[in-house]
Amino acid sequence: MIIGHTAPIAELLDAAHGERMHHAWLFTGPEGVGKATVAKAVATHLLAEAAGPAPAGDGIEIDPEHRIARLIASGAHSDFIWLERLINEKTDKRARNISVDQVRAMSTKFSLAPSHSPRRIVVIDAIDDLERAAANALLKSLEEPPSGTIFFLISHMPGRLLPTIRSRCRVLRFAPLSDADMRTVLRAELPEADEAEVAALIAAAEGAPGKALALAGLRIDEIDSALATIARTGDPTNAGRSALASQLALKAALPRYEAFLKRAPSFVATQARTRQGAPLRDAIELYQRATQLAATAPLHNLDPQSAVFELCGLVAGLAK
């Protein structure tokens, strides 16, 4: 289900149907807003349209029983290439980068004509993850695009890309979803969630449904409530921060601890937006310190209880 993003979708379809389809599109916007979801939906639509029968209706989404849709869903469509960081089978963790070997393996397929229609679509999620050699290897394909091949390049940080890559792409900007659209997505994806959790997920995700769904089931509403109390009272006896630190330090609470590390700096940033003058400057400083601490805690293997306690201490500084 595609919610929102009507403008970039319309621009893509207009270009495809108007015989002026650019060969490389850069999908930019905050992480989790739905860029990859739209890329896959548009790719499915265009490949189904090219191979036939033409999808029914005027919308972007097509019948999941369409033969092309079924091939893509099963990973068996030879003209649809999806490139992302590989998962290590032993650790079940993703690699830090998309490697040059992955890009080269993709490029070898370009020597063959598309199988199901004159069109082939490549999605890279995300191009920010390409190691330098991989980016240079991709650039060769963008400079001399294979016949019938369209690239959808997902980027959360387009400013960090090689200028030579950016210059060869047409940019599509994806904005965060409205609260109403977020609620529609979450109600469809999380029918069992209560209103408190949905409201907390909307507040925490800032218009990014992917981010909200990653936090689902972790009771972000309870974390937010504890942070709000600490920010309001300053937690003079340390009772609030101690209680939250004890809860999140448990081994079984690791997913909630990881969510807390992302949520605490965002909470401080949200509070900063309501301030002016000296209180705003103080809140910005607290946000910077919280961001640094949250980023370094897992890298330096800081004790979770100590990390939560220290972050809550920064949140308590909002009360001053």
Foldseek 3Di string as FASTA:
>chain_A
DDFDPPVLLVVQVCCVVVVNHAQEEEEEDAPQLCLVVSQVLQQLQVLDCQLDDHADDDDSHGDCPRPSNVCVVVVNQLQEAEFEFDADPVVRHGDQARELVNLVVVVVSLVDQHDRGNAGEYEYVAPVRHDPNNLVSVLVCLVVPRGRYHYYHYDHCVVPHDVSVVVSHHYDYDYAADLVSLLVVCCVVPVPDDPLLSVLLSLQCVRRNRSSVLCPPLPSSVVLVLLVVLLAPLCVVLPSLQVVLVVCLDPVNVSNLLVCLSRLLVSLVVLLVVDDDPLNVLSVVLSVVSNVLSVCCVVVVPRSSVSSSVSSNSSSVNND
